[in-house]
Amino acid sequence: MTIDVTARTYMIVGPEPEWWYRDLVSCLQATFGTVLARAGADPLTVLGVGWRFLHLPGDVRSEEFYYPALPGEDGEIDLGAAIAPHHELHSRWWQPADEDDVWREVRATLADDRLVIAAVDNFHLPFRPAYGDVHAAHLVVIYGLDETRGLVYVSDAMPPAFRGAVPIEEFLRSWGSANPTDVQDAFFSNSRIGRRCLDVRLDADPAPLTPELLGGFLRSDVEAFTTVTSARSGLAGYDAFAAELTERCRAGDSDALRELYPFGWGMQAQASLHGELLRRCGREWQDPALAGAGRAVEAVAHAWTGLRLTGAHGLANPRAAASDIAHHATVLRGKYARAIDAVGATAARL
């Protein structure tokens, strides 16, 4: 790391972070994966060992990085705990405390050799395909700041992956964007960026993943899917979500489909990572049944594609899309049921 401080100008540039990406993840999992890799942890183990379903009516926001999470005892939302329920991964949102020095917290984090995850608007970022064309809420990793030369060093694993310097003026426009409604992106515009950042910490090194440890995690996951709670969670929660989605479409409610795309991406990404982890463990431990359970969970992830894309194409006419939405929701429900059975059977013998 290079640190040079002269008066009130700063240069703090750390090593280039690792890109971490999978085809079905959003920028939320990609940026968290980059932070975990920097911390020396295996991102797939931390992000892939947990598997949940949770839908919070009225909570869905038009951001690529939306993920449902219930408030903790302190009333705060912890996305780290939500996407990694079996590890000591925690996060908190923050914004600059001093408008006259918006980089203060970023400097402190970088000087502590940690990365910053920042919310941005793709419209203002020169390396994004949407630059100057489409407004959309996104996350990137900041790994360096050179105020003398007017540069921010940014890493983004989402295609077309970028790592390098961005002029501070352009980054500030992106970081502080109102992200106005954009007819070209009905799903990730109309969500104010507000210079938000995520502070992400892994509070304990993950224990080596053994069959016994994984079995305990999987039993907890299956219990979460099969236990009825007051929250819209588990398989019963999915049933309530799917029934409401179909009814709202039949009533011509386009907001139902506008919410489906960002909400479904989080559920799809988690299923994809969970399935990949189980397949990897099944291969390494020579356990075909475990690998098969992983494939069953990955089938859930791929079934989300049909539902999400049907919703996206049906946005202009929800009533016409209702029957197709109902079909894809039923297919996805069957994939969930089979995957839960497969994971449960595997967990019982690990």
Protein backbone atom coordinates (compact mmCIF):
# COMPACT_ATOMS: atom_id res chain seq x y z
CA MET A 1 0.00 0.00 0.00
CA THR A 2 1.18 3.51 -0.85
CA ILE A 3 0.21 6.29 1.54
CA ASP A 4 1.28 9.90 1.02
CA VAL A 5 -0.26 12.75 2.97
CA THR A 6 0.48 16.39 2.17
CA ALA A 7 -1.64 19.09 3.81
CA ARG A 8 -5.21 17.93 3.05
CA THR A 9 -4.45 15.97 -0.09
CA TYR A 10 -4.13 12.21 0.18
CA MET A 11 -2.92 9.29 -1.87
CA ILE A 12 -3.89 5.87 -0.51
CA VAL A 13 -3.65 3.08 -3.04
CA GLY A 14 -3.67 -0.56 -2.00
CA PRO A 15 -3.05 -3.71 -4.05
CA GLU A 16 -5.54 -4.47 -6.80
CA PRO A 17 -8.34 -6.58 -5.34
CA GLU A 18 -9.36 -9.94 -6.74
CA TRP A 19 -12.37 -10.06 -9.02
CA TRP A 20 -14.95 -12.53 -7.75
CA TYR A 21 -17.91 -13.31 -9.98
CA ARG A 22 -20.41 -15.99 -10.97
CA ASP A 23 -22.89 -15.75 -13.86
CA LEU A 24 -26.03 -15.61 -11.70
CA VAL A 25 -24.86 -13.25 -8.96
CA SER A 26 -25.47 -9.52 -8.70
CA CYS A 27 -23.02 -6.83 -7.68
CA LEU A 28 -23.96 -7.52 -4.05
CA GLN A 29 -22.43 -10.99 -3.98
CA ALA A 30 -19.58 -9.95 -6.32
CA THR A 31 -18.45 -7.06 -4.10
CA PHE A 32 -18.83 -9.09 -0.90
CA GLY A 33 -16.82 -11.85 -2.55
CA THR A 34 -14.02 -9.40 -3.35
CA VAL A 35 -13.92 -8.21 0.28
CA LEU A 36 -13.90 -11.81 1.55
CA ALA A 37 -11.06 -12.75 -0.78
CA ARG A 38 -9.03 -9.79 0.52
CA ALA A 39 -9.69 -11.07 4.07
CA GLY A 40 -8.22 -14.46 3.10
CA ALA A 41 -11.54 -16.33 3.15
CA ASP A 42 -13.04 -18.49 0.41
CA PRO A 43 -16.00 -16.42 -0.89
CA LEU A 44 -17.93 -19.45 -2.11
CA THR A 45 -17.80 -21.15 1.30
CA VAL A 46 -18.97 -18.03 3.15
CA LEU A 47 -21.59 -16.88 0.64
CA GLY A 48 -22.73 -20.32 -0.52
CA VAL A 49 -23.21 -22.36 2.62
CA GLY A 50 -26.51 -20.71 3.60
CA TRP A 51 -29.77 -21.04 1.66
CA ARG A 52 -32.97 -19.21 2.54
CA PHE A 53 -36.17 -17.72 1.15
CA LEU A 54 -37.47 -14.45 2.55
CA HIS A 55 -39.86 -11.95 1.01
CA LEU A 56 -40.69 -8.68 2.74
CA PRO A 57 -43.76 -7.04 1.14
CA GLY A 58 -43.25 -3.35 0.57
CA ASP A 59 -39.49 -3.56 1.13
CA VAL A 60 -38.24 -4.23 -2.41
CA ARG A 61 -36.16 -1.37 -3.84
CA SER A 62 -35.11 -0.67 -7.42
CA GLU A 63 -31.44 -1.47 -6.91
CA GLU A 64 -29.34 -4.27 -8.37
CA PHE A 65 -28.06 -4.96 -4.85
CA TYR A 66 -31.44 -5.29 -3.13
CA TYR A 67 -31.59 -8.23 -0.73
CA PRO A 68 -34.29 -8.92 1.88
CA ALA A 69 -33.09 -8.74 5.47
CA LEU A 70 -34.96 -8.41 8.75
CA PRO A 71 -33.70 -5.75 11.19
CA GLY A 72 -31.48 -6.98 14.02
CA GLU A 73 -32.04 -6.32 17.70
CA ASP A 74 -30.57 -2.84 17.22
CA GLY A 75 -33.06 -2.12 14.44
CA GLU A 76 -30.33 -2.03 11.79
CA ILE A 77 -30.21 -4.03 8.56
CA ASP A 78 -27.19 -6.35 8.30
CA LEU A 79 -26.85 -7.60 4.72
CA GLY A 80 -23.75 -9.59 5.64
CA ALA A 81 -25.66 -11.67 8.18
CA ALA A 82 -28.52 -12.10 5.71
CA ILE A 83 -26.45 -13.49 2.85
CA ALA A 84 -24.10 -15.50 5.09
CA PRO A 85 -26.22 -16.75 8.01
CA HIS A 86 -23.66 -19.36 9.12
CA HIS A 87 -20.60 -17.08 9.34
CA GLU A 88 -19.57 -13.97 11.23
CA LEU A 89 -19.99 -11.72 8.20
CA HIS A 90 -21.51 -8.35 9.04
CA SER A 91 -22.13 -5.11 7.23
CA ARG A 92 -23.60 -1.69 7.84
CA TRP A 93 -24.61 1.12 5.54
CA TRP A 94 -23.04 4.52 6.10
CA GLN A 95 -22.86 7.93 4.45
CA PRO A 96 -20.22 10.66 4.82
CA ALA A 97 -20.72 12.53 8.08
CA ASP A 98 -19.14 15.76 6.80
CA GLU A 99 -20.30 17.22 3.48
CA ASP A 100 -17.18 19.39 3.46
CA ASP A 101 -14.97 16.29 3.56
CA VAL A 102 -16.86 13.40 1.96
CA TRP A 103 -13.73 11.25 1.65
CA ARG A 104 -12.87 11.17 5.35
CA GLU A 105 -14.36 7.73 6.09
CA VAL A 106 -13.05 6.32 2.82
CA ARG A 107 -9.52 7.47 3.69
CA ALA A 108 -9.73 5.92 7.16
CA THR A 109 -10.97 2.59 5.80
CA LEU A 110 -8.32 2.40 3.07
CA ALA A 111 -5.57 3.40 5.51
CA ASP A 112 -6.69 0.45 7.64
CA ASP A 113 -6.04 -1.76 4.58
CA ARG A 114 -9.72 -2.49 4.08
CA LEU A 115 -11.90 -2.07 1.00
CA VAL A 116 -14.94 0.18 0.63
CA ILE A 117 -18.10 -0.93 -1.15
CA ALA A 118 -19.85 2.09 -2.66
CA ALA A 119 -23.27 2.49 -4.23
CA VAL A 120 -23.12 4.23 -7.60
CA ASP A 121 -25.18 5.14 -10.65
CA ASN A 122 -23.87 3.41 -13.80
CA PHE A 123 -24.86 6.45 -15.89
CA HIS A 124 -21.84 8.40 -14.62
CA LEU A 125 -19.15 5.68 -14.65
CA PRO A 126 -16.95 5.71 -17.79
CA PHE A 127 -16.22 1.96 -17.65
CA ARG A 128 -19.85 0.79 -17.46
CA PRO A 129 -21.72 0.02 -20.71
CA ALA A 130 -24.56 2.26 -19.47
CA TYR A 131 -22.25 5.31 -19.25
CA GLY A 132 -24.10 8.41 -20.40
CA ASP A 133 -27.08 6.28 -21.43
CA VAL A 134 -28.93 4.46 -18.62
CA HIS A 135 -29.39 5.25 -14.93
CA ALA A 136 -29.10 2.17 -12.68
CA ALA A 137 -28.09 1.55 -9.04
CA HIS A 138 -24.97 -0.59 -8.74
CA LEU A 139 -22.14 -1.44 -6.29
CA VAL A 140 -18.39 -1.17 -6.84
CA VAL A 141 -15.30 -1.61 -4.66
CA ILE A 142 -13.01 1.35 -3.90
CA TYR A 143 -9.40 0.28 -3.30
CA GLY A 144 -7.53 3.56 -3.70
CA LEU A 145 -7.82 7.33 -3.57
CA ASP A 146 -5.41 9.91 -5.02
CA GLU A 147 -6.72 13.37 -4.26
CA THR A 148 -3.57 15.02 -5.60
CA ARG A 149 -4.19 13.68 -9.11
CA GLY A 150 -7.97 13.59 -8.70
CA LEU A 151 -8.45 9.83 -9.06
CA VAL A 152 -10.48 7.10 -7.36
CA TYR A 153 -9.35 3.50 -7.86
CA VAL A 154 -12.33 1.24 -8.49
CA SER A 155 -12.78 -2.50 -8.97
CA ASP A 156 -15.92 -4.00 -10.52
CA ALA A 157 -16.12 -7.74 -11.20
CA MET A 158 -19.45 -7.53 -13.04
CA PRO A 159 -18.99 -7.79 -16.83
CA PRO A 160 -17.22 -6.13 -18.54
CA ALA A 161 -14.95 -6.33 -15.47
CA PHE A 162 -12.91 -3.20 -14.70
CA ARG A 163 -10.09 -2.33 -12.33
CA GLY A 164 -8.41 1.06 -12.39
CA ALA A 165 -8.66 4.81 -11.95
CA VAL A 166 -11.75 6.97 -12.43
CA PRO A 167 -11.69 10.80 -12.26
CA ILE A 168 -12.95 11.97 -8.89
CA GLU A 169 -15.42 14.38 -10.50
CA GLU A 170 -17.13 11.58 -12.42
CA PHE A 171 -17.12 9.24 -9.44
CA LEU A 172 -18.68 11.92 -7.23
CA ARG A 173 -21.48 12.41 -9.75
CA SER A 174 -22.10 8.65 -9.72
CA TRP A 175 -21.79 8.30 -5.94
CA GLY A 176 -24.13 11.21 -5.27
CA SER A 177 -26.59 10.65 -8.11
CA ALA A 178 -30.33 11.01 -7.69
CA ASN A 179 -30.55 7.99 -10.04
CA PRO A 180 -33.76 9.34 -11.57
CA THR A 181 -36.45 7.24 -13.20
CA ASP A 182 -35.17 5.93 -16.52
CA VAL A 183 -37.55 4.36 -19.02
CA GLN A 184 -34.68 2.20 -20.27
CA ASP A 185 -34.29 0.52 -16.86
CA ALA A 186 -37.51 0.02 -14.94
CA PHE A 187 -35.82 -2.18 -12.34
CA PHE A 188 -32.72 -0.34 -11.07
CA SER A 189 -33.43 3.37 -11.64
CA ASN A 190 -35.55 5.67 -9.46
CA SER A 191 -33.53 4.88 -6.33
CA ARG A 192 -31.42 7.67 -4.89
CA ILE A 193 -27.75 6.73 -4.40
CA GLY A 194 -27.01 9.32 -1.69
CA ARG A 195 -23.28 8.50 -1.31
CA ARG A 196 -24.08 5.26 0.47
CA CYS A 197 -21.33 2.83 1.34
CA LEU A 198 -21.13 -0.58 2.96
CA ASP A 199 -18.65 -1.37 5.68
CA VAL A 200 -18.14 -5.14 5.56
CA ARG A 201 -16.28 -7.14 8.20
CA LEU A 202 -15.59 -10.83 8.66
CA ASP A 203 -15.38 -11.01 12.46
CA ALA A 204 -14.06 -14.59 12.67
CA ASP A 205 -12.09 -16.79 10.31
CA PRO A 206 -14.33 -19.50 8.87
CA ALA A 207 -13.70 -22.96 10.30
CA PRO A 208 -12.57 -25.57 7.74
CA LEU A 209 -15.66 -27.00 6.09
CA THR A 210 -16.07 -30.67 7.03
CA PRO A 211 -18.95 -33.04 6.26
CA GLU A 212 -20.07 -32.81 9.89
CA LEU A 213 -20.03 -29.00 9.89
CA LEU A 214 -21.78 -28.77 6.53
CA GLY A 215 -24.40 -31.27 7.69
CA GLY A 216 -25.29 -29.01 10.60
CA PHE A 217 -25.58 -26.00 8.32
CA LEU A 218 -27.78 -27.89 5.87
CA ARG A 219 -30.10 -29.11 8.61
CA SER A 220 -30.50 -25.51 9.73
CA ASP A 221 -31.27 -24.44 6.16
CA VAL A 222 -33.88 -27.16 5.70
CA GLU A 223 -35.47 -26.25 9.02
CA ALA A 224 -35.72 -22.63 7.86
CA PHE A 225 -37.51 -23.79 4.71
CA THR A 226 -39.95 -26.10 6.49
CA THR A 227 -40.82 -24.08 9.60
CA VAL A 228 -43.77 -21.71 9.36
CA THR A 229 -43.05 -18.32 10.93
CA SER A 230 -44.72 -14.93 11.10
CA ALA A 231 -42.32 -13.70 8.40
CA ARG A 232 -42.88 -14.61 4.75
CA SER A 233 -40.05 -17.13 4.77
CA GLY A 234 -39.35 -20.72 3.79
CA LEU A 235 -41.52 -22.75 1.46
CA ALA A 236 -44.73 -21.39 3.00
CA GLY A 237 -43.36 -17.90 2.44
CA TYR A 238 -42.68 -18.72 -1.20
CA ASP A 239 -46.26 -19.96 -1.61
CA ALA A 240 -47.60 -16.69 -0.19
CA PHE A 241 -45.27 -14.68 -2.40
CA ALA A 242 -46.20 -16.60 -5.57
CA ALA A 243 -49.96 -16.39 -4.87
CA GLU A 244 -49.77 -12.65 -4.28
CA LEU A 245 -47.61 -12.11 -7.36
CA THR A 246 -50.09 -13.92 -9.59
CA GLU A 247 -53.08 -12.09 -8.14
CA ARG A 248 -51.43 -8.70 -8.53
CA CYS A 249 -50.65 -9.51 -12.16
CA ARG A 250 -54.26 -10.49 -12.80
CA ALA A 251 -55.28 -7.15 -11.29
CA GLY A 252 -52.98 -5.33 -13.70
CA ASP A 253 -50.48 -4.21 -11.06
CA SER A 254 -47.23 -3.55 -12.95
CA ASP A 255 -45.41 -2.81 -9.69
CA ALA A 256 -45.62 -6.53 -8.89
CA LEU A 257 -43.44 -7.30 -11.91
CA ARG A 258 -41.22 -4.27 -11.36
CA GLU A 259 -40.41 -5.66 -7.89
CA LEU A 260 -40.04 -9.27 -9.05
CA TYR A 261 -36.85 -8.68 -11.03
CA PRO A 262 -34.63 -7.18 -8.27
CA PHE A 263 -36.15 -9.36 -5.53
CA GLY A 264 -35.75 -12.57 -7.50
CA TRP A 265 -32.13 -11.84 -8.31
CA GLY A 266 -31.12 -12.16 -4.64
CA MET A 267 -32.95 -15.46 -4.25
CA GLN A 268 -31.52 -16.74 -7.52
CA ALA A 269 -27.96 -15.76 -6.64
CA GLN A 270 -28.08 -17.47 -3.25
CA ALA A 271 -29.47 -20.70 -4.72
CA SER A 272 -26.81 -20.65 -7.43
CA LEU A 273 -23.95 -20.27 -4.93
CA HIS A 274 -25.39 -22.86 -2.56
CA GLY A 275 -25.75 -25.38 -5.35
CA GLU A 276 -22.21 -24.75 -6.59
CA LEU A 277 -20.78 -25.22 -3.11
CA LEU A 278 -22.62 -28.51 -2.59
CA ARG A 279 -21.44 -29.78 -5.97
CA ARG A 280 -17.87 -28.82 -5.14
CA CYS A 281 -18.02 -30.55 -1.76
CA GLY A 282 -19.62 -33.61 -3.34
CA ARG A 283 -16.79 -33.84 -5.85
CA GLU A 284 -14.00 -33.26 -3.32
CA TRP A 285 -15.49 -35.68 -0.78
CA GLN A 286 -16.51 -38.22 -3.44
CA ASP A 287 -20.15 -37.98 -2.35
CA PRO A 288 -22.43 -38.28 -5.42
CA ALA A 289 -25.60 -37.68 -3.40
CA LEU A 290 -24.25 -34.38 -2.08
CA ALA A 291 -23.29 -33.32 -5.59
CA GLY A 292 -26.78 -34.31 -6.76
CA ALA A 293 -28.33 -32.15 -4.05
CA GLY A 294 -26.20 -29.29 -5.34
CA ARG A 295 -27.54 -29.81 -8.84
CA ALA A 296 -31.09 -29.79 -7.46
CA VAL A 297 -30.46 -26.43 -5.77
CA GLU A 298 -28.93 -25.06 -8.96
CA ALA A 299 -32.13 -26.07 -10.76
CA VAL A 300 -33.93 -23.68 -8.39
CA ALA A 301 -31.59 -20.90 -9.46
CA HIS A 302 -32.19 -21.55 -13.15
CA ALA A 303 -35.96 -21.72 -12.66
CA TRP A 304 -35.82 -18.19 -11.25
CA THR A 305 -34.63 -17.06 -14.68
CA GLY A 306 -37.91 -18.06 -16.31
CA LEU A 307 -39.97 -16.25 -13.69
CA ARG A 308 -37.84 -13.08 -13.61
CA LEU A 309 -37.60 -12.71 -17.39
CA THR A 310 -41.28 -13.44 -17.92
CA GLY A 311 -42.00 -10.66 -15.45
CA ALA A 312 -39.62 -8.27 -17.20
CA HIS A 313 -41.20 -8.87 -20.60
CA GLY A 314 -44.72 -8.66 -19.14
CA LEU A 315 -44.20 -5.32 -17.42
CA ALA A 316 -46.27 -3.38 -19.96
CA ASN A 317 -49.25 -5.75 -19.66
CA PRO A 318 -49.34 -7.67 -16.36
CA ARG A 319 -52.77 -9.17 -17.03
CA ALA A 320 -51.57 -10.77 -20.25
CA ALA A 321 -48.51 -12.13 -18.45
CA ALA A 322 -50.44 -13.54 -15.48
CA SER A 323 -50.89 -17.07 -16.83
CA ASP A 324 -47.21 -17.38 -17.77
CA ILE A 325 -46.20 -15.96 -14.39
CA ALA A 326 -48.39 -18.57 -12.68
CA HIS A 327 -46.80 -21.33 -14.78
CA HIS A 328 -43.21 -20.31 -14.02
CA ALA A 329 -44.03 -19.81 -10.33
CA THR A 330 -45.41 -23.36 -10.21
CA VAL A 331 -42.32 -24.77 -11.93
CA LEU A 332 -40.09 -22.92 -9.48
CA ARG A 333 -42.13 -24.21 -6.53
CA GLY A 334 -41.56 -27.78 -7.71
CA LYS A 335 -37.82 -27.16 -8.00
CA TYR A 336 -37.75 -25.77 -4.47
CA ALA A 337 -39.61 -28.79 -3.08
CA ARG A 338 -37.31 -31.30 -4.80
CA ALA A 339 -34.17 -29.43 -3.76
CA ILE A 340 -35.29 -29.18 -0.12
CA ASP A 341 -35.94 -32.93 -0.09
CA ALA A 342 -32.53 -33.65 -1.64
CA VAL A 343 -30.67 -31.38 0.73
CA GLY A 344 -32.58 -32.74 3.72
CA ALA A 345 -31.78 -36.34 2.82
CA THR A 346 -28.11 -35.50 2.38
CA ALA A 347 -27.94 -33.50 5.60
CA ALA A 348 -29.43 -36.37 7.61
CA ARG A 349 -26.45 -38.62 6.89
CA LEU A 350 -23.56 -36.13 6.97
